[in-house]
mmCIF file of all heavy atoms, coordinates in Angstrom:
data_MODEL
# 
_entry.id   MODEL 
# 
loop_
_atom_site.group_PDB 
_atom_site.id 
_atom_site.type_symbol 
_atom_site.label_atom_id 
_atom_site.label_alt_id 
_atom_site.label_comp_id 
_atom_site.label_asym_id 
_atom_site.label_entity_id 
_atom_site.label_seq_id 
_atom_site.pdbx_PDB_ins_code 
_atom_site.Cartn_x 
_atom_site.Cartn_y 
_atom_site.Cartn_z 
_atom_site.occupancy 
_atom_site.B_iso_or_equiv 
_atom_site.pdbx_formal_charge 
_atom_site.auth_seq_id 
_atom_site.auth_comp_id 
_atom_site.auth_asym_id 
_atom_site.auth_atom_id 
_atom_site.pdbx_PDB_model_num 
ATOM 1   N N   . GLU A 1 1  ? -195.972 85.310  14.370 1.00 0.00 ? 1  GLU A N   1 
ATOM 2   C CA  . GLU A 1 1  ? -196.210 86.446  15.249 1.00 0.00 ? 1  GLU A CA  1 
ATOM 3   C C   . GLU A 1 1  ? -195.038 87.282  15.490 1.00 0.00 ? 1  GLU A C   1 
ATOM 4   O O   . GLU A 1 1  ? -195.115 88.518  15.528 1.00 0.00 ? 1  GLU A O   1 
ATOM 5   C CB  . GLU A 1 1  ? -196.677 85.854  16.596 1.00 0.00 ? 1  GLU A CB  1 
ATOM 6   C CG  . GLU A 1 1  ? -198.058 85.279  16.623 1.00 0.00 ? 1  GLU A CG  1 
ATOM 7   C CD  . GLU A 1 1  ? -198.496 84.636  17.966 1.00 0.00 ? 1  GLU A CD  1 
ATOM 8   O OE1 . GLU A 1 1  ? -197.680 84.781  19.002 1.00 0.00 ? 1  GLU A OE1 1 
ATOM 9   O OE2 . GLU A 1 1  ? -199.510 84.042  18.032 1.00 0.00 ? 1  GLU A OE2 1 
ATOM 10  N N   . CYS A 1 2  ? -193.807 86.704  15.556 1.00 0.00 ? 2  CYS A N   1 
ATOM 11  C CA  . CYS A 1 2  ? -192.582 87.470  15.629 1.00 0.00 ? 2  CYS A CA  1 
ATOM 12  C C   . CYS A 1 2  ? -192.362 88.293  14.413 1.00 0.00 ? 2  CYS A C   1 
ATOM 13  O O   . CYS A 1 2  ? -191.894 89.436  14.490 1.00 0.00 ? 2  CYS A O   1 
ATOM 14  C CB  . CYS A 1 2  ? -191.403 86.570  15.901 1.00 0.00 ? 2  CYS A CB  1 
ATOM 15  S SG  . CYS A 1 2  ? -191.387 85.731  17.453 1.00 0.00 ? 2  CYS A SG  1 
ATOM 16  N N   . HIS A 1 3  ? -192.624 87.701  13.187 1.00 0.00 ? 3  HIS A N   1 
ATOM 17  C CA  . HIS A 1 3  ? -192.447 88.435  11.954 1.00 0.00 ? 3  HIS A CA  1 
ATOM 18  C C   . HIS A 1 3  ? -193.419 89.619  11.867 1.00 0.00 ? 3  HIS A C   1 
ATOM 19  O O   . HIS A 1 3  ? -193.125 90.688  11.471 1.00 0.00 ? 3  HIS A O   1 
ATOM 20  C CB  . HIS A 1 3  ? -192.614 87.536  10.760 1.00 0.00 ? 3  HIS A CB  1 
ATOM 21  C CG  . HIS A 1 3  ? -191.576 86.550  10.597 1.00 0.00 ? 3  HIS A CG  1 
ATOM 22  N ND1 . HIS A 1 3  ? -190.186 86.815  10.480 1.00 0.00 ? 3  HIS A ND1 1 
ATOM 23  C CD2 . HIS A 1 3  ? -191.546 85.153  10.530 1.00 0.00 ? 3  HIS A CD2 1 
ATOM 24  C CE1 . HIS A 1 3  ? -189.452 85.729  10.386 1.00 0.00 ? 3  HIS A CE1 1 
ATOM 25  N NE2 . HIS A 1 3  ? -190.293 84.702  10.409 1.00 0.00 ? 3  HIS A NE2 1 
ATOM 26  N N   . ALA A 1 4  ? -194.656 89.334  12.323 1.00 0.00 ? 4  ALA A N   1 
ATOM 27  C CA  . ALA A 1 4  ? -195.702 90.408  12.339 1.00 0.00 ? 4  ALA A CA  1 
ATOM 28  C C   . ALA A 1 4  ? -195.278 91.544  13.251 1.00 0.00 ? 4  ALA A C   1 
ATOM 29  O O   . ALA A 1 4  ? -195.539 92.735  12.912 1.00 0.00 ? 4  ALA A O   1 
ATOM 30  C CB  . ALA A 1 4  ? -197.066 89.815  12.761 1.00 0.00 ? 4  ALA A CB  1 
ATOM 31  N N   . THR A 1 5  ? -194.698 91.206  14.387 1.00 0.00 ? 5  THR A N   1 
ATOM 32  C CA  . THR A 1 5  ? -194.249 92.220  15.326 1.00 0.00 ? 5  THR A CA  1 
ATOM 33  C C   . THR A 1 5  ? -193.091 93.030  14.669 1.00 0.00 ? 5  THR A C   1 
ATOM 34  O O   . THR A 1 5  ? -193.131 94.322  14.885 1.00 0.00 ? 5  THR A O   1 
ATOM 35  C CB  . THR A 1 5  ? -193.701 91.596  16.640 1.00 0.00 ? 5  THR A CB  1 
ATOM 36  O OG1 . THR A 1 5  ? -194.743 90.840  17.217 1.00 0.00 ? 5  THR A OG1 1 
ATOM 37  C CG2 . THR A 1 5  ? -193.194 92.607  17.570 1.00 0.00 ? 5  THR A CG2 1 
ATOM 38  N N   . SER A 1 6  ? -192.278 92.421  13.924 1.00 0.00 ? 6  SER A N   1 
ATOM 39  C CA  . SER A 1 6  ? -191.139 93.202  13.218 1.00 0.00 ? 6  SER A CA  1 
ATOM 40  C C   . SER A 1 6  ? -191.740 94.129  12.127 1.00 0.00 ? 6  SER A C   1 
ATOM 41  O O   . SER A 1 6  ? -191.345 95.211  11.970 1.00 0.00 ? 6  SER A O   1 
ATOM 42  C CB  . SER A 1 6  ? -190.227 92.227  12.515 1.00 0.00 ? 6  SER A CB  1 
ATOM 43  O OG  . SER A 1 6  ? -189.504 91.452  13.481 1.00 0.00 ? 6  SER A OG  1 
ATOM 44  N N   . ILE A 1 7  ? -192.871 93.643  11.471 1.00 0.00 ? 7  ILE A N   1 
ATOM 45  C CA  . ILE A 1 7  ? -193.538 94.500  10.507 1.00 0.00 ? 7  ILE A CA  1 
ATOM 46  C C   . ILE A 1 7  ? -194.121 95.672  11.189 1.00 0.00 ? 7  ILE A C   1 
ATOM 47  O O   . ILE A 1 7  ? -194.043 96.817  10.712 1.00 0.00 ? 7  ILE A O   1 
ATOM 48  C CB  . ILE A 1 7  ? -194.543 93.721  9.725  1.00 0.00 ? 7  ILE A CB  1 
ATOM 49  C CG1 . ILE A 1 7  ? -193.890 92.696  8.795  1.00 0.00 ? 7  ILE A CG1 1 
ATOM 50  C CG2 . ILE A 1 7  ? -195.479 94.635  8.943  1.00 0.00 ? 7  ILE A CG2 1 
ATOM 51  C CD1 . ILE A 1 7  ? -194.777 91.747  8.103  1.00 0.00 ? 7  ILE A CD1 1 
ATOM 52  N N   . VAL A 1 8  ? -194.768 95.509  12.347 1.00 0.00 ? 8  VAL A N   1 
ATOM 53  C CA  . VAL A 1 8  ? -195.378 96.588  13.022 1.00 0.00 ? 8  VAL A CA  1 
ATOM 54  C C   . VAL A 1 8  ? -194.290 97.605  13.545 1.00 0.00 ? 8  VAL A C   1 
ATOM 55  O O   . VAL A 1 8  ? -194.516 98.859  13.391 1.00 0.00 ? 8  VAL A O   1 
ATOM 56  C CB  . VAL A 1 8  ? -196.160 96.084  14.285 1.00 0.00 ? 8  VAL A CB  1 
ATOM 57  C CG1 . VAL A 1 8  ? -196.608 97.193  15.244 1.00 0.00 ? 8  VAL A CG1 1 
ATOM 58  C CG2 . VAL A 1 8  ? -197.401 95.275  13.823 1.00 0.00 ? 8  VAL A CG2 1 
ATOM 59  N N   . ARG A 1 9  ? -193.154 97.144  13.958 1.00 0.00 ? 9  ARG A N   1 
ATOM 60  C CA  . ARG A 1 9  ? -192.114 98.065  14.426 1.00 0.00 ? 9  ARG A CA  1 
ATOM 61  C C   . ARG A 1 9  ? -191.625 98.854  13.191 1.00 0.00 ? 9  ARG A C   1 
ATOM 62  O O   . ARG A 1 9  ? -191.318 100.047 13.324 1.00 0.00 ? 9  ARG A O   1 
ATOM 63  C CB  . ARG A 1 9  ? -190.990 97.247  15.006 1.00 0.00 ? 9  ARG A CB  1 
ATOM 64  C CG  . ARG A 1 9  ? -191.255 96.757  16.385 1.00 0.00 ? 9  ARG A CG  1 
ATOM 65  C CD  . ARG A 1 9  ? -190.046 96.179  17.019 1.00 0.00 ? 9  ARG A CD  1 
ATOM 66  N NE  . ARG A 1 9  ? -190.400 95.664  18.411 1.00 0.00 ? 9  ARG A NE  1 
ATOM 67  C CZ  . ARG A 1 9  ? -190.074 94.434  18.783 1.00 0.00 ? 9  ARG A CZ  1 
ATOM 68  N NH1 . ARG A 1 9  ? -189.332 93.619  17.972 1.00 0.00 ? 9  ARG A NH1 1 
ATOM 69  N NH2 . ARG A 1 9  ? -190.437 94.039  20.005 1.00 0.00 ? 9  ARG A NH2 1 
ATOM 70  N N   . ALA A 1 10 ? -191.443 98.211  12.017 1.00 0.00 ? 10 ALA A N   1 
ATOM 71  C CA  . ALA A 1 10 ? -190.990 98.899  10.878 1.00 0.00 ? 10 ALA A CA  1 
ATOM 72  C C   . ALA A 1 10 ? -192.000 99.998  10.436 1.00 0.00 ? 10 ALA A C   1 
ATOM 73  O O   . ALA A 1 10 ? -191.614 101.071 10.059 1.00 0.00 ? 10 ALA A O   1 
ATOM 74  C CB  . ALA A 1 10 ? -190.740 97.957  9.720  1.00 0.00 ? 10 ALA A CB  1 
ATOM 75  N N   . ILE A 1 11 ? -193.262 99.664  10.497 1.00 0.00 ? 11 ILE A N   1 
ATOM 76  C CA  . ILE A 1 11 ? -194.272 100.645 10.223 1.00 0.00 ? 11 ILE A CA  1 
ATOM 77  C C   . ILE A 1 11 ? -194.276 101.838 11.166 1.00 0.00 ? 11 ILE A C   1 
ATOM 78  O O   . ILE A 1 11 ? -194.492 102.952 10.813 1.00 0.00 ? 11 ILE A O   1 
ATOM 79  C CB  . ILE A 1 11 ? -195.697 99.987  10.108 1.00 0.00 ? 11 ILE A CB  1 
ATOM 80  C CG1 . ILE A 1 11 ? -195.727 99.061  8.877  1.00 0.00 ? 11 ILE A CG1 1 
ATOM 81  C CG2 . ILE A 1 11 ? -196.784 100.959 9.965  1.00 0.00 ? 11 ILE A CG2 1 
ATOM 82  C CD1 . ILE A 1 11 ? -196.924 98.154  8.734  1.00 0.00 ? 11 ILE A CD1 1 
ATOM 83  N N   . GLU A 1 12 ? -194.099 101.465 12.419 1.00 0.00 ? 12 GLU A N   1 
ATOM 84  C CA  . GLU A 1 12 ? -194.008 102.497 13.482 1.00 0.00 ? 12 GLU A CA  1 
ATOM 85  C C   . GLU A 1 12 ? -192.827 103.407 13.216 1.00 0.00 ? 12 GLU A C   1 
ATOM 86  O O   . GLU A 1 12 ? -192.902 104.653 13.383 1.00 0.00 ? 12 GLU A O   1 
ATOM 87  C CB  . GLU A 1 12 ? -193.911 101.927 14.863 1.00 0.00 ? 12 GLU A CB  1 
ATOM 88  C CG  . GLU A 1 12 ? -195.264 101.326 15.348 1.00 0.00 ? 12 GLU A CG  1 
ATOM 89  C CD  . GLU A 1 12 ? -195.059 100.580 16.649 1.00 0.00 ? 12 GLU A CD  1 
ATOM 90  O OE1 . GLU A 1 12 ? -193.913 100.274 17.060 1.00 0.00 ? 12 GLU A OE1 1 
ATOM 91  O OE2 . GLU A 1 12 ? -196.083 100.285 17.300 1.00 0.00 ? 12 GLU A OE2 1 
ATOM 92  N N   . ASP A 1 13 ? -191.769 102.841 12.719 1.00 0.00 ? 13 ASP A N   1 
ATOM 93  C CA  . ASP A 1 13 ? -190.597 103.716 12.408 1.00 0.00 ? 13 ASP A CA  1 
ATOM 94  C C   . ASP A 1 13 ? -190.927 104.650 11.209 1.00 0.00 ? 13 ASP A C   1 
ATOM 95  O O   . ASP A 1 13 ? -190.523 105.831 11.203 1.00 0.00 ? 13 ASP A O   1 
ATOM 96  C CB  . ASP A 1 13 ? -189.354 102.811 12.009 1.00 0.00 ? 13 ASP A CB  1 
ATOM 97  C CG  . ASP A 1 13 ? -188.092 103.672 11.915 1.00 0.00 ? 13 ASP A CG  1 
ATOM 98  O OD1 . ASP A 1 13 ? -187.889 104.580 12.722 1.00 0.00 ? 13 ASP A OD1 1 
ATOM 99  O OD2 . ASP A 1 13 ? -187.310 103.387 10.946 1.00 0.00 ? 13 ASP A OD2 1 
ATOM 100 N N   . LEU A 1 14 ? -191.627 104.110 10.219 1.00 0.00 ? 14 LEU A N   1 
ATOM 101 C CA  . LEU A 1 14 ? -192.141 104.981 9.088  1.00 0.00 ? 14 LEU A CA  1 
ATOM 102 C C   . LEU A 1 14 ? -193.025 106.093 9.621  1.00 0.00 ? 14 LEU A C   1 
ATOM 103 O O   . LEU A 1 14 ? -192.917 107.262 9.102  1.00 0.00 ? 14 LEU A O   1 
ATOM 104 C CB  . LEU A 1 14 ? -192.828 104.125 8.091  1.00 0.00 ? 14 LEU A CB  1 
ATOM 105 C CG  . LEU A 1 14 ? -192.027 103.181 7.195  1.00 0.00 ? 14 LEU A CG  1 
ATOM 106 C CD1 . LEU A 1 14 ? -192.853 102.310 6.310  1.00 0.00 ? 14 LEU A CD1 1 
ATOM 107 C CD2 . LEU A 1 14 ? -190.971 103.996 6.416  1.00 0.00 ? 14 LEU A CD2 1 
ATOM 108 N N   . LEU A 1 15 ? -193.825 105.795 10.563 1.00 0.00 ? 15 LEU A N   1 
ATOM 109 C CA  . LEU A 1 15 ? -194.697 106.806 11.118 1.00 0.00 ? 15 LEU A CA  1 
ATOM 110 C C   . LEU A 1 15 ? -193.949 107.882 11.881 1.00 0.00 ? 15 LEU A C   1 
ATOM 111 O O   . LEU A 1 15 ? -194.224 109.051 11.776 1.00 0.00 ? 15 LEU A O   1 
ATOM 112 C CB  . LEU A 1 15 ? -195.730 106.156 12.076 1.00 0.00 ? 15 LEU A CB  1 
ATOM 113 C CG  . LEU A 1 15 ? -196.864 105.387 11.441 1.00 0.00 ? 15 LEU A CG  1 
ATOM 114 C CD1 . LEU A 1 15 ? -197.683 104.637 12.451 1.00 0.00 ? 15 LEU A CD1 1 
ATOM 115 C CD2 . LEU A 1 15 ? -197.766 106.283 10.548 1.00 0.00 ? 15 LEU A CD2 1 
ATOM 116 N N   . MET A 1 16 ? -192.817 107.460 12.536 1.00 0.00 ? 16 MET A N   1 
ATOM 117 C CA  . MET A 1 16 ? -191.940 108.445 13.225 1.00 0.00 ? 16 MET A CA  1 
ATOM 118 C C   . MET A 1 16 ? -191.243 109.339 12.197 1.00 0.00 ? 16 MET A C   1 
ATOM 119 O O   . MET A 1 16 ? -191.072 110.480 12.415 1.00 0.00 ? 16 MET A O   1 
ATOM 120 C CB  . MET A 1 16 ? -190.979 107.665 14.092 1.00 0.00 ? 16 MET A CB  1 
ATOM 121 C CG  . MET A 1 16 ? -191.576 107.168 15.403 1.00 0.00 ? 16 MET A CG  1 
ATOM 122 S SD  . MET A 1 16 ? -190.369 106.577 16.534 1.00 0.00 ? 16 MET A SD  1 
ATOM 123 C CE  . MET A 1 16 ? -189.820 105.067 15.761 1.00 0.00 ? 16 MET A CE  1 
ATOM 124 N N   . VAL A 1 17 ? -190.824 108.714 11.092 1.00 0.00 ? 17 VAL A N   1 
ATOM 125 C CA  . VAL A 1 17 ? -190.198 109.548 9.999  1.00 0.00 ? 17 VAL A CA  1 
ATOM 126 C C   . VAL A 1 17 ? -191.211 110.529 9.483  1.00 0.00 ? 17 VAL A C   1 
ATOM 127 O O   . VAL A 1 17 ? -190.912 111.722 9.303  1.00 0.00 ? 17 VAL A O   1 
ATOM 128 C CB  . VAL A 1 17 ? -189.667 108.608 8.835  1.00 0.00 ? 17 VAL A CB  1 
ATOM 129 C CG1 . VAL A 1 17 ? -189.268 109.410 7.645  1.00 0.00 ? 17 VAL A CG1 1 
ATOM 130 C CG2 . VAL A 1 17 ? -188.530 107.794 9.309  1.00 0.00 ? 17 VAL A CG2 1 
ATOM 131 N N   . SER A 1 18 ? -192.391 110.084 9.210  1.00 0.00 ? 18 SER A N   1 
ATOM 132 C CA  . SER A 1 18 ? -193.472 110.968 8.759  1.00 0.00 ? 18 SER A CA  1 
ATOM 133 C C   . SER A 1 18 ? -193.711 112.103 9.734  1.00 0.00 ? 18 SER A C   1 
ATOM 134 O O   . SER A 1 18 ? -193.881 113.272 9.308  1.00 0.00 ? 18 SER A O   1 
ATOM 135 C CB  . SER A 1 18 ? -194.707 110.153 8.511  1.00 0.00 ? 18 SER A CB  1 
ATOM 136 O OG  . SER A 1 18 ? -195.779 111.009 8.178  1.00 0.00 ? 18 SER A OG  1 
ATOM 137 N N   . ARG A 1 19 ? -193.798 111.744 10.952 1.00 0.00 ? 19 ARG A N   1 
ATOM 138 C CA  . ARG A 1 19 ? -194.108 112.788 12.051 1.00 0.00 ? 19 ARG A CA  1 
ATOM 139 C C   . ARG A 1 19 ? -192.927 113.762 11.967 1.00 0.00 ? 19 ARG A C   1 
ATOM 140 O O   . ARG A 1 19 ? -193.090 114.988 12.184 1.00 0.00 ? 19 ARG A O   1 
ATOM 141 C CB  . ARG A 1 19 ? -194.246 112.165 13.334 1.00 0.00 ? 19 ARG A CB  1 
ATOM 142 C CG  . ARG A 1 19 ? -194.507 113.132 14.472 1.00 0.00 ? 19 ARG A CG  1 
ATOM 143 C CD  . ARG A 1 19 ? -194.711 112.490 15.785 1.00 0.00 ? 19 ARG A CD  1 
ATOM 144 N NE  . ARG A 1 19 ? -194.876 113.483 16.829 1.00 0.00 ? 19 ARG A NE  1 
ATOM 145 C CZ  . ARG A 1 19 ? -194.889 113.332 18.037 1.00 0.00 ? 19 ARG A CZ  1 
ATOM 146 N NH1 . ARG A 1 19 ? -194.758 112.057 18.511 1.00 0.00 ? 19 ARG A NH1 1 
ATOM 147 N NH2 . ARG A 1 19 ? -195.050 114.300 18.895 1.00 0.00 ? 19 ARG A NH2 1 
ATOM 148 N N   . SER A 1 20 ? -191.656 113.322 11.979 1.00 0.00 ? 20 SER A N   1 
ATOM 149 C CA  . SER A 1 20 ? -190.519 114.116 12.016 1.00 0.00 ? 20 SER A CA  1 
ATOM 150 C C   . SER A 1 20 ? -190.520 115.101 10.806 1.00 0.00 ? 20 SER A C   1 
ATOM 151 O O   . SER A 1 20 ? -190.195 116.272 10.963 1.00 0.00 ? 20 SER A O   1 
ATOM 152 C CB  . SER A 1 20 ? -189.260 113.319 12.047 1.00 0.00 ? 20 SER A CB  1 
ATOM 153 O OG  . SER A 1 20 ? -188.090 114.095 11.858 1.00 0.00 ? 20 SER A OG  1 
ATOM 154 N N   . LEU A 1 21 ? -190.873 114.622 9.644  1.00 0.00 ? 21 LEU A N   1 
ATOM 155 C CA  . LEU A 1 21 ? -190.917 115.417 8.420  1.00 0.00 ? 21 LEU A CA  1 
ATOM 156 C C   . LEU A 1 21 ? -191.934 116.524 8.590  1.00 0.00 ? 21 LEU A C   1 
ATOM 157 O O   . LEU A 1 21 ? -191.854 117.680 8.214  1.00 0.00 ? 21 LEU A O   1 
ATOM 158 C CB  . LEU A 1 21 ? -191.175 114.600 7.159  1.00 0.00 ? 21 LEU A CB  1 
ATOM 159 C CG  . LEU A 1 21 ? -189.977 113.747 6.726  1.00 0.00 ? 21 LEU A CG  1 
ATOM 160 C CD1 . LEU A 1 21 ? -190.436 112.833 5.565  1.00 0.00 ? 21 LEU A CD1 1 
ATOM 161 C CD2 . LEU A 1 21 ? -188.909 114.709 6.223  1.00 0.00 ? 21 LEU A CD2 1 
ATOM 162 N N   . LYS A 1 22 ? -193.145 116.056 9.155  1.00 0.00 ? 22 LYS A N   1 
ATOM 163 C CA  . LYS A 1 22 ? -194.265 117.091 9.364  1.00 0.00 ? 22 LYS A CA  1 
ATOM 164 C C   . LYS A 1 22 ? -193.781 118.141 10.335 1.00 0.00 ? 22 LYS A C   1 
ATOM 165 O O   . LYS A 1 22 ? -194.077 119.342 10.107 1.00 0.00 ? 22 LYS A O   1 
ATOM 166 C CB  . LYS A 1 22 ? -195.474 116.347 9.879  1.00 0.00 ? 22 LYS A CB  1 
ATOM 167 C CG  . LYS A 1 22 ? -196.169 115.526 8.890  1.00 0.00 ? 22 LYS A CG  1 
ATOM 168 C CD  . LYS A 1 22 ? -197.355 114.796 9.469  1.00 0.00 ? 22 LYS A CD  1 
ATOM 169 C CE  . LYS A 1 22 ? -197.932 113.803 8.515  1.00 0.00 ? 22 LYS A CE  1 
ATOM 170 N NZ  . LYS A 1 22 ? -199.058 112.975 9.130  1.00 0.00 ? 22 LYS A NZ  1 
ATOM 171 N N   . GLU A 1 23 ? -193.174 117.732 11.412 1.00 0.00 ? 23 GLU A N   1 
ATOM 172 C CA  . GLU A 1 23 ? -192.745 118.772 12.372 1.00 0.00 ? 23 GLU A CA  1 
ATOM 173 C C   . GLU A 1 23 ? -191.699 119.668 11.749 1.00 0.00 ? 23 GLU A C   1 
ATOM 174 O O   . GLU A 1 23 ? -191.789 120.878 11.976 1.00 0.00 ? 23 GLU A O   1 
ATOM 175 C CB  . GLU A 1 23 ? -192.126 118.017 13.622 1.00 0.00 ? 23 GLU A CB  1 
ATOM 176 C CG  . GLU A 1 23 ? -193.123 117.377 14.475 1.00 0.00 ? 23 GLU A CG  1 
ATOM 177 C CD  . GLU A 1 23 ? -192.530 116.587 15.607 1.00 0.00 ? 23 GLU A CD  1 
ATOM 178 O OE1 . GLU A 1 23 ? -191.270 116.403 15.673 1.00 0.00 ? 23 GLU A OE1 1 
ATOM 179 O OE2 . GLU A 1 23 ? -193.292 116.043 16.448 1.00 0.00 ? 23 GLU A OE2 1 
ATOM 180 N N   . SER A 1 24 ? -190.780 119.146 11.024 1.00 0.00 ? 24 SER A N   1 
ATOM 181 C CA  . SER A 1 24 ? -189.805 119.974 10.324 1.00 0.00 ? 24 SER A CA  1 
ATOM 182 C C   . SER A 1 24 ? -190.428 120.931 9.340  1.00 0.00 ? 24 SER A C   1 
ATOM 183 O O   . SER A 1 24 ? -190.027 122.107 9.239  1.00 0.00 ? 24 SER A O   1 
ATOM 184 C CB  . SER A 1 24 ? -188.788 119.095 9.672  1.00 0.00 ? 24 SER A CB  1 
ATOM 185 O OG  . SER A 1 24 ? -188.055 118.332 10.582 1.00 0.00 ? 24 SER A OG  1 
ATOM 186 N N   . TRP A 1 25 ? -191.437 120.380 8.667  1.00 0.00 ? 25 TRP A N   1 
ATOM 187 C CA  . TRP A 1 25 ? -192.096 121.225 7.637  1.00 0.00 ? 25 TRP A CA  1 
ATOM 188 C C   . TRP A 1 25 ? -192.856 122.396 8.343  1.00 0.00 ? 25 TRP A C   1 
ATOM 189 O O   . TRP A 1 25 ? -192.796 123.529 7.956  1.00 0.00 ? 25 TRP A O   1 
ATOM 190 C CB  . TRP A 1 25 ? -193.066 120.368 6.840  1.00 0.00 ? 25 TRP A CB  1 
ATOM 191 C CG  . TRP A 1 25 ? -193.864 121.158 5.840  1.00 0.00 ? 25 TRP A CG  1 
ATOM 192 C CD1 . TRP A 1 25 ? -193.333 121.737 4.675  1.00 0.00 ? 25 TRP A CD1 1 
ATOM 193 C CD2 . TRP A 1 25 ? -195.247 121.451 5.824  1.00 0.00 ? 25 TRP A CD2 1 
ATOM 194 N NE1 . TRP A 1 25 ? -194.289 122.339 4.008  1.00 0.00 ? 25 TRP A NE1 1 
ATOM 195 C CE2 . TRP A 1 25 ? -195.508 122.234 4.691  1.00 0.00 ? 25 TRP A CE2 1 
ATOM 196 C CE3 . TRP A 1 25 ? -196.270 121.136 6.726  1.00 0.00 ? 25 TRP A CE3 1 
ATOM 197 C CZ2 . TRP A 1 25 ? -196.809 122.647 4.416  1.00 0.00 ? 25 TRP A CZ2 1 
ATOM 198 C CZ3 . TRP A 1 25 ? -197.525 121.581 6.429  1.00 0.00 ? 25 TRP A CZ3 1 
ATOM 199 C CH2 . TRP A 1 25 ? -197.771 122.324 5.307  1.00 0.00 ? 25 TRP A CH2 1 
# 
């Protein structure tokens, strides 16, 4: 469960990067 939570956080960070790129674009 702890490892799965870390995966979710990493994916959320990727989503934030994606959102930031979209906003910049």
